[in-house]
Amino acid sequence: MKHKDFHIGLDFWCGGNRWRCTDVGTRVIVAISLEPHEILNTEVDPNDKTQKTERRYMTDDPSWFSGPTYVVVEHVFDEDTLPACKFNPNDEES
């Protein structure tokens, strides 16, 4: 894909994962991954502040992809990575 192909809200594929464009800059594209995400929940024991409990789990809750601002990290795609992006997972790289 080329820079001109992108717009905010466009879903595309790169590296076998689905992404959503969240910003179009002059030279870069910013996007969030739409794949399931690992969550790390840390709770502190109210009776002993030195004791923490960690719980890890996966989520595909669509509310994490609502924004801006986004709960998930945004990634920058530059002129070197844009050619690896595709409209559909089975498309040839453009």
PDB file of N, CA and C in Angstrom:
ATOM      1  N   MET A   1       0.838  -1.182   0.000  1.00  0.00           N
ATOM      2  CA  MET A   1       0.000   0.000   0.000  1.00  0.00           C
ATOM      3  C   MET A   1       0.884   1.247   0.000  1.00  0.00           C
ATOM      4  N   LYS A   2       0.300   2.322  -0.408  1.00  0.00           N
ATOM      5  CA  LYS A   2       1.007   3.599  -0.442  1.00  0.00           C
ATOM      6  C   LYS A   2       0.359   4.559   0.563  1.00  0.00           C
ATOM      7  N   HIS A   3       1.105   5.563   0.954  1.00  0.00           N
ATOM      8  CA  HIS A   3       0.624   6.527   1.945  1.00  0.00           C
ATOM      9  C   HIS A   3      -0.751   7.084   1.567  1.00  0.00           C
ATOM     10  N   LYS A   4      -0.961   7.361   0.298  1.00  0.00           N
ATOM     11  CA  LYS A   4      -2.225   7.953  -0.168  1.00  0.00           C
ATOM     12  C   LYS A   4      -3.417   7.008  -0.011  1.00  0.00           C
ATOM     13  N   ASP A   5      -3.172   5.698   0.194  1.00  0.00           N
ATOM     14  CA  ASP A   5      -4.245   4.717   0.350  1.00  0.00           C
ATOM     15  C   ASP A   5      -4.902   4.756   1.729  1.00  0.00           C
ATOM     16  N   PHE A   6      -4.253   5.386   2.689  1.00  0.00           N
ATOM     17  CA  PHE A   6      -4.708   5.335   4.078  1.00  0.00           C
ATOM     18  C   PHE A   6      -5.610   6.504   4.435  1.00  0.00           C
ATOM     19  N   HIS A   7      -6.550   6.228   5.331  1.00  0.00           N
ATOM     20  CA  HIS A   7      -7.384   7.261   5.950  1.00  0.00           C
ATOM     21  C   HIS A   7      -7.778   6.756   7.335  1.00  0.00           C
ATOM     22  N   ILE A   8      -8.114   7.682   8.209  1.00  0.00           N
ATOM     23  CA  ILE A   8      -8.487   7.309   9.574  1.00  0.00           C
ATOM     24  C   ILE A   8      -9.700   6.389   9.530  1.00  0.00           C
ATOM     25  N   GLY A   9      -9.609   5.281  10.260  1.00  0.00           N
ATOM     26  CA  GLY A   9     -10.686   4.296  10.311  1.00  0.00           C
ATOM     27  C   GLY A   9     -10.505   3.128   9.356  1.00  0.00           C
ATOM     28  N   LEU A  10      -9.533   3.210   8.441  1.00  0.00           N
ATOM     29  CA  LEU A  10      -9.292   2.133   7.486  1.00  0.00           C
ATOM     30  C   LEU A  10      -8.699   0.912   8.193  1.00  0.00           C
ATOM     31  N   ASP A  11      -9.305  -0.256   7.986  1.00  0.00           N
ATOM     32  CA  ASP A  11      -8.726  -1.515   8.466  1.00  0.00           C
ATOM     33  C   ASP A  11      -7.835  -2.070   7.375  1.00  0.00           C
ATOM     34  N   PHE A  12      -6.665  -2.559   7.757  1.00  0.00           N
ATOM     35  CA  PHE A  12      -5.721  -3.129   6.803  1.00  0.00           C
ATOM     36  C   PHE A  12      -4.953  -4.253   7.486  1.00  0.00           C
ATOM     37  N   TRP A  13      -4.143  -4.946   6.708  1.00  0.00           N
ATOM     38  CA  TRP A  13      -3.377  -6.086   7.206  1.00  0.00           C
ATOM     39  C   TRP A  13      -1.886  -5.815   7.070  1.00  0.00           C
ATOM     40  N   CYS A  14      -1.120  -6.254   8.046  1.00  0.00           N
ATOM     41  CA  CYS A  14       0.335  -6.178   7.984  1.00  0.00           C
ATOM     42  C   CYS A  14       0.906  -7.208   8.950  1.00  0.00           C
ATOM     43  N   GLY A  15       1.871  -7.981   8.472  1.00  0.00           N
ATOM     44  CA  GLY A  15       2.494  -8.994   9.332  1.00  0.00           C
ATOM     45  C   GLY A  15       1.533 -10.070   9.791  1.00  0.00           C
ATOM     46  N   GLY A  16       0.498 -10.340   9.004  1.00  0.00           N
ATOM     47  CA  GLY A  16      -0.481 -11.359   9.361  1.00  0.00           C
ATOM     48  C   GLY A  16      -1.501 -10.893  10.385  1.00  0.00           C
ATOM     49  N   ASN A  17      -1.478  -9.621  10.765  1.00  0.00           N
ATOM     50  CA  ASN A  17      -2.410  -9.073  11.751  1.00  0.00           C
ATOM     51  C   ASN A  17      -3.262  -7.973  11.134  1.00  0.00           C
ATOM     52  N   ARG A  18      -4.438  -7.790  11.735  1.00  0.00           N
ATOM     53  CA  ARG A  18      -5.348  -6.744  11.275  1.00  0.00           C
ATOM     54  C   ARG A  18      -5.105  -5.477  12.098  1.00  0.00           C
ATOM     55  N   TRP A  19      -5.082  -4.339  11.419  1.00  0.00           N
ATOM     56  CA  TRP A  19      -4.801  -3.042  12.025  1.00  0.00           C
ATOM     57  C   TRP A  19      -5.883  -2.046  11.637  1.00  0.00           C
ATOM     58  N   ARG A  20      -6.006  -0.974  12.430  1.00  0.00           N
ATOM     59  CA  ARG A  20      -6.913   0.130  12.082  1.00  0.00           C
ATOM     60  C   ARG A  20      -6.129   1.440  12.134  1.00  0.00           C
ATOM     61  N   CYS A  21      -6.201   2.190  11.049  1.00  0.00           N
ATOM     62  CA  CYS A  21      -5.518   3.478  10.952  1.00  0.00           C
ATOM     63  C   CYS A  21      -6.180   4.479  11.900  1.00  0.00           C
ATOM     64  N   THR A  22      -5.367   5.113  12.759  1.00  0.00           N
ATOM     65  CA  THR A  22      -5.886   6.087  13.713  1.00  0.00           C
ATOM     66  C   THR A  22      -5.415   7.500  13.411  1.00  0.00           C
ATOM     67  N   ASP A  23      -4.405   7.637  12.551  1.00  0.00           N
ATOM     68  CA  ASP A  23      -3.923   8.965  12.179  1.00  0.00           C
ATOM     69  C   ASP A  23      -3.090   8.852  10.907  1.00  0.00           C
ATOM     70  N   VAL A  24      -3.167   9.879  10.095  1.00  0.00           N
ATOM     71  CA  VAL A  24      -2.372   9.959   8.871  1.00  0.00           C
ATOM     72  C   VAL A  24      -1.519  11.218   8.974  1.00  0.00           C
ATOM     73  N   GLY A  25      -0.204  11.002   9.080  1.00  0.00           N
ATOM     74  CA  GLY A  25       0.713  12.127   9.127  1.00  0.00           C
ATOM     75  C   GLY A  25       1.240  12.457   7.750  1.00  0.00           C
ATOM     76  N   THR A  26       2.158  13.375   7.709  1.00  0.00           N
ATOM     77  CA  THR A  26       2.757  13.768   6.442  1.00  0.00           C
ATOM     78  C   THR A  26       3.548  12.628   5.823  1.00  0.00           C
ATOM     79  N   ARG A  27       4.285  11.885   6.681  1.00  0.00           N
ATOM     80  CA  ARG A  27       5.130  10.793   6.179  1.00  0.00           C
ATOM     81  C   ARG A  27       4.838   9.441   6.813  1.00  0.00           C
ATOM     82  N   VAL A  28       4.008   9.393   7.862  1.00  0.00           N
ATOM     83  CA  VAL A  28       3.761   8.140   8.578  1.00  0.00           C
ATOM     84  C   VAL A  28       2.267   7.909   8.759  1.00  0.00           C
ATOM     85  N   ILE A  29       1.954   6.661   9.076  1.00  0.00           N
ATOM     86  CA  ILE A  29       0.606   6.240   9.431  1.00  0.00           C
ATOM     87  C   ILE A  29       0.672   5.726  10.865  1.00  0.00           C
ATOM     88  N   VAL A  30      -0.341   6.017  11.657  1.00  0.00           N
ATOM     89  CA  VAL A  30      -0.424   5.501  13.022  1.00  0.00           C
ATOM     90  C   VAL A  30      -1.625   4.561  13.059  1.00  0.00           C
ATOM     91  N   ALA A  31      -1.450   3.409  13.735  1.00  0.00           N
ATOM     92  CA  ALA A  31      -2.525   2.419  13.748  1.00  0.00           C
ATOM     93  C   ALA A  31      -2.507   1.622  15.045  1.00  0.00           C
ATOM     94  N   ILE A  32      -3.664   1.014  15.352  1.00  0.00           N
ATOM     95  CA  ILE A  32      -3.765   0.087  16.484  1.00  0.00           C
ATOM     96  C   ILE A  32      -3.977  -1.312  15.943  1.00  0.00           C
ATOM     97  N   SER A  33      -3.453  -2.297  16.671  1.00  0.00           N
ATOM     98  CA  SER A  33      -3.663  -3.692  16.312  1.00  0.00           C
ATOM     99  C   SER A  33      -5.050  -4.115  16.780  1.00  0.00           C
ATOM    100  N   LEU A  34      -5.786  -4.802  15.910  1.00  0.00           N
ATOM    101  CA  LEU A  34      -7.126  -5.280  16.238  1.00  0.00           C
ATOM    102  C   LEU A  34      -7.120  -6.730  16.704  1.00  0.00           C
ATOM    103  N   GLU A  35      -5.950  -7.264  16.971  1.00  0.00           N
ATOM    104  CA  GLU A  35      -5.813  -8.640  17.443  1.00  0.00           C
ATOM    105  C   GLU A  35      -6.105  -8.698  18.944  1.00  0.00           C
ATOM    106  N   PRO A  36      -6.426  -9.900  19.477  1.00  0.00           N
ATOM    107  CA  PRO A  36      -6.602 -10.014  20.930  1.00  0.00           C
ATOM    108  C   PRO A  36      -5.338  -9.536  21.662  1.00  0.00           C
ATOM    109  N   HIS A  37      -5.545  -8.925  22.824  1.00  0.00           N
ATOM    110  CA  HIS A  37      -4.453  -8.343  23.592  1.00  0.00           C
ATOM    111  C   HIS A  37      -4.332  -9.023  24.959  1.00  0.00           C
ATOM    112  N   GLU A  38      -3.094  -9.121  25.430  1.00  0.00           N
ATOM    113  CA  GLU A  38      -2.857  -9.641  26.769  1.00  0.00           C
ATOM    114  C   GLU A  38      -3.014  -8.502  27.776  1.00  0.00           C
ATOM    115  N   ILE A  39      -3.734  -8.773  28.845  1.00  0.00           N
ATOM    116  CA  ILE A  39      -3.973  -7.804  29.911  1.00  0.00           C
ATOM    117  C   ILE A  39      -3.243  -8.283  31.158  1.00  0.00           C
ATOM    118  N   LEU A  40      -2.582  -7.354  31.817  1.00  0.00           N
ATOM    119  CA  LEU A  40      -1.952  -7.633  33.100  1.00  0.00           C
ATOM    120  C   LEU A  40      -2.653  -6.776  34.138  1.00  0.00           C
ATOM    121  N   ASN A  41      -3.362  -7.432  35.060  1.00  0.00           N
ATOM    122  CA  ASN A  41      -4.079  -6.743  36.114  1.00  0.00           C
ATOM    123  C   ASN A  41      -3.314  -6.957  37.422  1.00  0.00           C
ATOM    124  N   THR A  42      -2.893  -5.871  38.068  1.00  0.00           N
ATOM    125  CA  THR A  42      -2.147  -5.953  39.313  1.00  0.00           C
ATOM    126  C   THR A  42      -2.984  -5.356  40.436  1.00  0.00           C
ATOM    127  N   GLU A  43      -3.152  -6.117  41.510  1.00  0.00           N
ATOM    128  CA  GLU A  43      -3.895  -5.635  42.670  1.00  0.00           C
ATOM    129  C   GLU A  43      -2.984  -5.667  43.891  1.00  0.00           C
ATOM    130  N   VAL A  44      -3.062  -4.602  44.683  1.00  0.00           N
ATOM    131  CA  VAL A  44      -2.273  -4.506  45.912  1.00  0.00           C
ATOM    132  C   VAL A  44      -3.163  -4.927  47.074  1.00  0.00           C
ATOM    133  N   ASP A  45      -2.615  -5.780  47.958  1.00  0.00           N
ATOM    134  CA  ASP A  45      -3.335  -6.217  49.145  1.00  0.00           C
ATOM    135  C   ASP A  45      -3.534  -5.010  50.066  1.00  0.00           C
ATOM    136  N   PRO A  46      -4.792  -4.655  50.394  1.00  0.00           N
ATOM    137  CA  PRO A  46      -5.025  -3.470  51.220  1.00  0.00           C
ATOM    138  C   PRO A  46      -4.458  -3.605  52.640  1.00  0.00           C
ATOM    139  N   ASN A  47      -4.257  -4.849  53.088  1.00  0.00           N
ATOM    140  CA  ASN A  47      -3.717  -5.078  54.431  1.00  0.00           C
ATOM    141  C   ASN A  47      -2.198  -5.116  54.450  1.00  0.00           C
ATOM    142  N   ASP A  48      -1.581  -5.358  53.309  1.00  0.00           N
ATOM    143  CA  ASP A  48      -0.122  -5.422  53.216  1.00  0.00           C
ATOM    144  C   ASP A  48       0.291  -4.854  51.857  1.00  0.00           C
ATOM    145  N   LYS A  49       0.632  -3.583  51.840  1.00  0.00           N
ATOM    146  CA  LYS A  49       0.933  -2.874  50.587  1.00  0.00           C
ATOM    147  C   LYS A  49       2.126  -3.459  49.827  1.00  0.00           C
ATOM    148  N   THR A  50       2.913  -4.304  50.473  1.00  0.00           N
ATOM    149  CA  THR A  50       4.058  -4.916  49.782  1.00  0.00           C
ATOM    150  C   THR A  50       3.651  -6.152  48.987  1.00  0.00           C
ATOM    151  N   GLN A  51       2.432  -6.627  49.203  1.00  0.00           N
ATOM    152  CA  GLN A  51       1.955  -7.829  48.523  1.00  0.00           C
ATOM    153  C   GLN A  51       1.072  -7.453  47.328  1.00  0.00           C
ATOM    154  N   LYS A  52       1.439  -7.992  46.175  1.00  0.00           N
ATOM    155  CA  LYS A  52       0.671  -7.748  44.956  1.00  0.00           C
ATOM    156  C   LYS A  52       0.245  -9.079  44.360  1.00  0.00           C
ATOM    157  N   THR A  53      -0.891  -9.055  43.711  1.00  0.00           N
ATOM    158  CA  THR A  53      -1.382 -10.206  42.967  1.00  0.00           C
ATOM    159  C   THR A  53      -1.508  -9.792  41.510  1.00  0.00           C
ATOM    160  N   GLU A  54      -0.900 -10.588  40.627  1.00  0.00           N
ATOM    161  CA  GLU A  54      -0.988 -10.310  39.199  1.00  0.00           C
ATOM    162  C   GLU A  54      -1.843 -11.360  38.515  1.00  0.00           C
ATOM    163  N   ARG A  55      -2.674 -10.903  37.594  1.00  0.00           N
ATOM    164  CA  ARG A  55      -3.498 -11.814  36.811  1.00  0.00           C
ATOM    165  C   ARG A  55      -3.357 -11.419  35.353  1.00  0.00           C
ATOM    166  N   ARG A  56      -3.003 -12.395  34.499  1.00  0.00           N
ATOM    167  CA  ARG A  56      -2.865 -12.171  33.059  1.00  0.00           C
ATOM    168  C   ARG A  56      -3.992 -12.898  32.339  1.00  0.00           C
ATOM    169  N   TYR A  57      -4.537 -12.215  31.346  1.00  0.00           N
ATOM    170  CA  TYR A  57      -5.562 -12.843  30.527  1.00  0.00           C
ATOM    171  C   TYR A  57      -5.603 -12.163  29.160  1.00  0.00           C
ATOM    172  N   MET A  58      -6.225 -12.823  28.206  1.00  0.00           N
ATOM    173  CA  MET A  58      -6.375 -12.295  26.853  1.00  0.00           C
ATOM    174  C   MET A  58      -7.780 -11.717  26.708  1.00  0.00           C
ATOM    175  N   THR A  59      -7.883 -10.651  25.911  1.00  0.00           N
ATOM    176  CA  THR A  59      -9.192 -10.071  25.630  1.00  0.00           C
ATOM    177  C   THR A  59      -9.292  -9.692  24.155  1.00  0.00           C
ATOM    178  N   ASP A  60     -10.487  -9.821  23.636  1.00  0.00           N
ATOM    179  CA  ASP A  60     -10.780  -9.312  22.301  1.00  0.00           C
ATOM    180  C   ASP A  60     -11.984  -8.368  22.389  1.00  0.00           C
ATOM    181  N   ASP A  61     -12.161  -7.760  23.559  1.00  0.00           N
ATOM    182  CA  ASP A  61     -13.251  -6.819  23.813  1.00  0.00           C
ATOM    183  C   ASP A  61     -13.138  -5.637  22.857  1.00  0.00           C
ATOM    184  N   PRO A  62     -14.150  -5.405  21.999  1.00  0.00           N
ATOM    185  CA  PRO A  62     -14.070  -4.330  21.011  1.00  0.00           C
ATOM    186  C   PRO A  62     -14.001  -2.926  21.621  1.00  0.00           C
ATOM    187  N   SER A  63     -14.395  -2.766  22.875  1.00  0.00           N
ATOM    188  CA  SER A  63     -14.340  -1.437  23.488  1.00  0.00           C
ATOM    189  C   SER A  63     -12.901  -0.934  23.625  1.00  0.00           C
ATOM    190  N   TRP A  64     -11.935  -1.849  23.617  1.00  0.00           N
ATOM    191  CA  TRP A  64     -10.528  -1.458  23.703  1.00  0.00           C
ATOM    192  C   TRP A  64     -10.069  -0.729  22.438  1.00  0.00           C
ATOM    193  N   PHE A  65     -10.821  -0.876  21.354  1.00  0.00           N
ATOM    194  CA  PHE A  65     -10.433  -0.281  20.078  1.00  0.00           C
ATOM    195  C   PHE A  65     -11.187   1.020  19.786  1.00  0.00           C
ATOM    196  N   SER A  66     -11.945   1.511  20.759  1.00  0.00           N
ATOM    197  CA  SER A  66     -12.680   2.767  20.600  1.00  0.00           C
ATOM    198  C   SER A  66     -11.787   3.927  21.017  1.00  0.00           C
ATOM    199  N   GLY A  67     -11.837   4.981  20.276  1.00  0.00           N
ATOM    200  CA  GLY A  67     -11.015   6.130  20.610  1.00  0.00           C
ATOM    201  C   GLY A  67     -11.283   7.249  19.638  1.00  0.00           C
ATOM    202  N   PRO A  68     -10.471   8.231  19.612  1.00  0.00           N
ATOM    203  CA  PRO A  68      -9.325   8.426  20.498  1.00  0.00           C
ATOM    204  C   PRO A  68      -9.778   8.897  21.870  1.00  0.00           C
ATOM    205  N   THR A  69      -9.039   8.792  22.842  1.00  0.00           N
ATOM    206  CA  THR A  69      -7.788   8.102  23.025  1.00  0.00           C
ATOM    207  C   THR A  69      -8.044   6.598  23.092  1.00  0.00           C
ATOM    208  N   TYR A  70      -6.995   5.824  22.792  1.00  0.00           N
ATOM    209  CA  TYR A  70      -7.121   4.373  22.727  1.00  0.00           C
ATOM    210  C   TYR A  70      -6.499   3.737  23.960  1.00  0.00           C
ATOM    211  N   VAL A  71      -7.108   2.652  24.415  1.00  0.00           N
ATOM    212  CA  VAL A  71      -6.568   1.905  25.546  1.00  0.00           C
ATOM    213  C   VAL A  71      -5.350   1.105  25.101  1.00  0.00           C
ATOM    214  N   VAL A  72      -5.332   0.664  23.852  1.00  0.00           N
ATOM    215  CA  VAL A  72      -4.200  -0.097  23.316  1.00  0.00           C
ATOM    216  C   VAL A  72      -3.178   0.868  22.714  1.00  0.00           C
ATOM    217  N   VAL A  73      -1.957   0.391  22.623  1.00  0.00           N
ATOM    218  CA  VAL A  73      -0.867   1.227  22.111  1.00  0.00           C
ATOM    219  C   VAL A  73      -1.034   1.467  20.610  1.00  0.00           C
ATOM    220  N   GLU A  74      -0.689   2.684  20.183  1.00  0.00           N
ATOM    221  CA  GLU A  74      -0.680   3.005  18.764  1.00  0.00           C
ATOM    222  C   GLU A  74       0.732   2.783  18.227  1.00  0.00           C
ATOM    223  N   HIS A  75       0.812   2.227  17.020  1.00  0.00           N
ATOM    224  CA  HIS A  75       2.092   1.939  16.376  1.00  0.00           C
ATOM    225  C   HIS A  75       2.263   2.833  15.149  1.00  0.00           C
ATOM    226  N   VAL A  76       3.513   3.194  14.876  1.00  0.00           N
ATOM    227  CA  VAL A  76       3.828   4.047  13.734  1.00  0.00           C
ATOM    228  C   VAL A  76       4.327   3.191  12.576  1.00  0.00           C
ATOM    229  N   PHE A  77       3.745   3.399  11.409  1.00  0.00           N
ATOM    230  CA  PHE A  77       4.171   2.757  10.174  1.00  0.00           C
ATOM    231  C   PHE A  77       4.812   3.839   9.318  1.00  0.00           C
ATOM    232  N   ASP A  78       6.069   3.615   8.915  1.00  0.00           N
ATOM    233  CA  ASP A  78       6.765   4.622   8.110  1.00  0.00           C
ATOM    234  C   ASP A  78       6.894   4.154   6.664  1.00  0.00           C
ATOM    235  N   GLU A  79       7.626   4.917   5.866  1.00  0.00           N
ATOM    236  CA  GLU A  79       7.749   4.605   4.438  1.00  0.00           C
ATOM    237  C   GLU A  79       8.387   3.247   4.182  1.00  0.00           C
ATOM    238  N   ASP A  80       9.122   2.708   5.158  1.00  0.00           N
ATOM    239  CA  ASP A  80       9.727   1.390   4.982  1.00  0.00           C
ATOM    240  C   ASP A  80       8.738   0.262   5.254  1.00  0.00           C
ATOM    241  N   THR A  81       7.734   0.489   6.114  1.00  0.00           N
ATOM    242  CA  THR A  81       6.775  -0.569   6.437  1.00  0.00           C
ATOM    243  C   THR A  81       5.487  -0.497   5.623  1.00  0.00           C
ATOM    244  N   LEU A  82       5.156   0.670   5.069  1.00  0.00           N
ATOM    245  CA  LEU A  82       3.905   0.793   4.314  1.00  0.00           C
ATOM    246  C   LEU A  82       3.793  -0.188   3.146  1.00  0.00           C
ATOM    247  N   PRO A  83       4.870  -0.476   2.404  1.00  0.00           N
ATOM    248  CA  PRO A  83       4.729  -1.431   1.297  1.00  0.00           C
ATOM    249  C   PRO A  83       4.322  -2.846   1.737  1.00  0.00           C
ATOM    250  N   ALA A  84       4.543  -3.190   3.003  1.00  0.00           N
ATOM    251  CA  ALA A  84       4.163  -4.518   3.505  1.00  0.00           C
ATOM    252  C   ALA A  84       2.695  -4.578   3.903  1.00  0.00           C
ATOM    253  N   CYS A  85       2.002  -3.445   3.922  1.00  0.00           N
ATOM    254  CA  CYS A  85       0.593  -3.396   4.303  1.00  0.00           C
ATOM    255  C   CYS A  85      -0.286  -3.796   3.122  1.00  0.00           C
ATOM    256  N   LYS A  86      -1.446  -4.426   3.443  1.00  0.00           N
ATOM    257  CA  LYS A  86      -2.358  -4.908   2.415  1.00  0.00           C
ATOM    258  C   LYS A  86      -3.795  -4.555   2.788  1.00  0.00           C
ATOM    259  N   PHE A  87      -4.646  -4.396   1.771  1.00  0.00           N
ATOM    260  CA  PHE A  87      -6.069  -4.166   2.014  1.00  0.00           C
ATOM    261  C   PHE A  87      -6.743  -5.415   2.573  1.00  0.00           C
ATOM    262  N   ASN A  88      -6.342  -6.583   2.085  1.00  0.00           N
ATOM    263  CA  ASN A  88      -6.909  -7.862   2.493  1.00  0.00           C
ATOM    264  C   ASN A  88      -5.779  -8.830   2.819  1.00  0.00           C
ATOM    265  N   PRO A  89      -6.025  -9.787   3.720  1.00  0.00           N
ATOM    266  CA  PRO A  89      -4.954 -10.695   4.117  1.00  0.00           C
ATOM    267  C   PRO A  89      -4.387 -11.537   2.978  1.00  0.00           C
ATOM    268  N   ASN A  90      -5.179 -11.781   1.939  1.00  0.00           N
ATOM    269  CA  ASN A  90      -4.707 -12.628   0.834  1.00  0.00           C
ATOM    270  C   ASN A  90      -4.146 -11.848  -0.329  1.00  0.00           C
ATOM    271  N   ASP A  91      -4.135 -10.509  -0.248  1.00  0.00           N
ATOM    272  CA  ASP A  91      -3.571  -9.679  -1.312  1.00  0.00           C
ATOM    273  C   ASP A  91      -2.064  -9.850  -1.355  1.00  0.00           C
ATOM    274  N   GLU A  92      -1.518  -9.657  -2.538  1.00  0.00           N
ATOM    275  CA  GLU A  92      -0.056  -9.586  -2.689  1.00  0.00           C
ATOM    276  C   GLU A  92       0.397  -8.262  -2.115  1.00  0.00           C
ATOM    277  N   GLU A  93       1.653  -8.228  -1.635  1.00  0.00           N
ATOM    278  CA  GLU A  93       2.201  -6.957  -1.158  1.00  0.00           C
ATOM    279  C   GLU A  93       2.258  -5.997  -2.324  1.00  0.00           C
ATOM    280  N   SER A  94       1.953  -4.713  -2.047  1.00  0.00           N
ATOM    281  CA  SER A  94       1.970  -3.726  -3.125  1.00  0.00           C
ATOM    282  C   SER A  94       3.186  -2.848  -3.034  1.00  0.00           C
TER     283      SER A  94
END
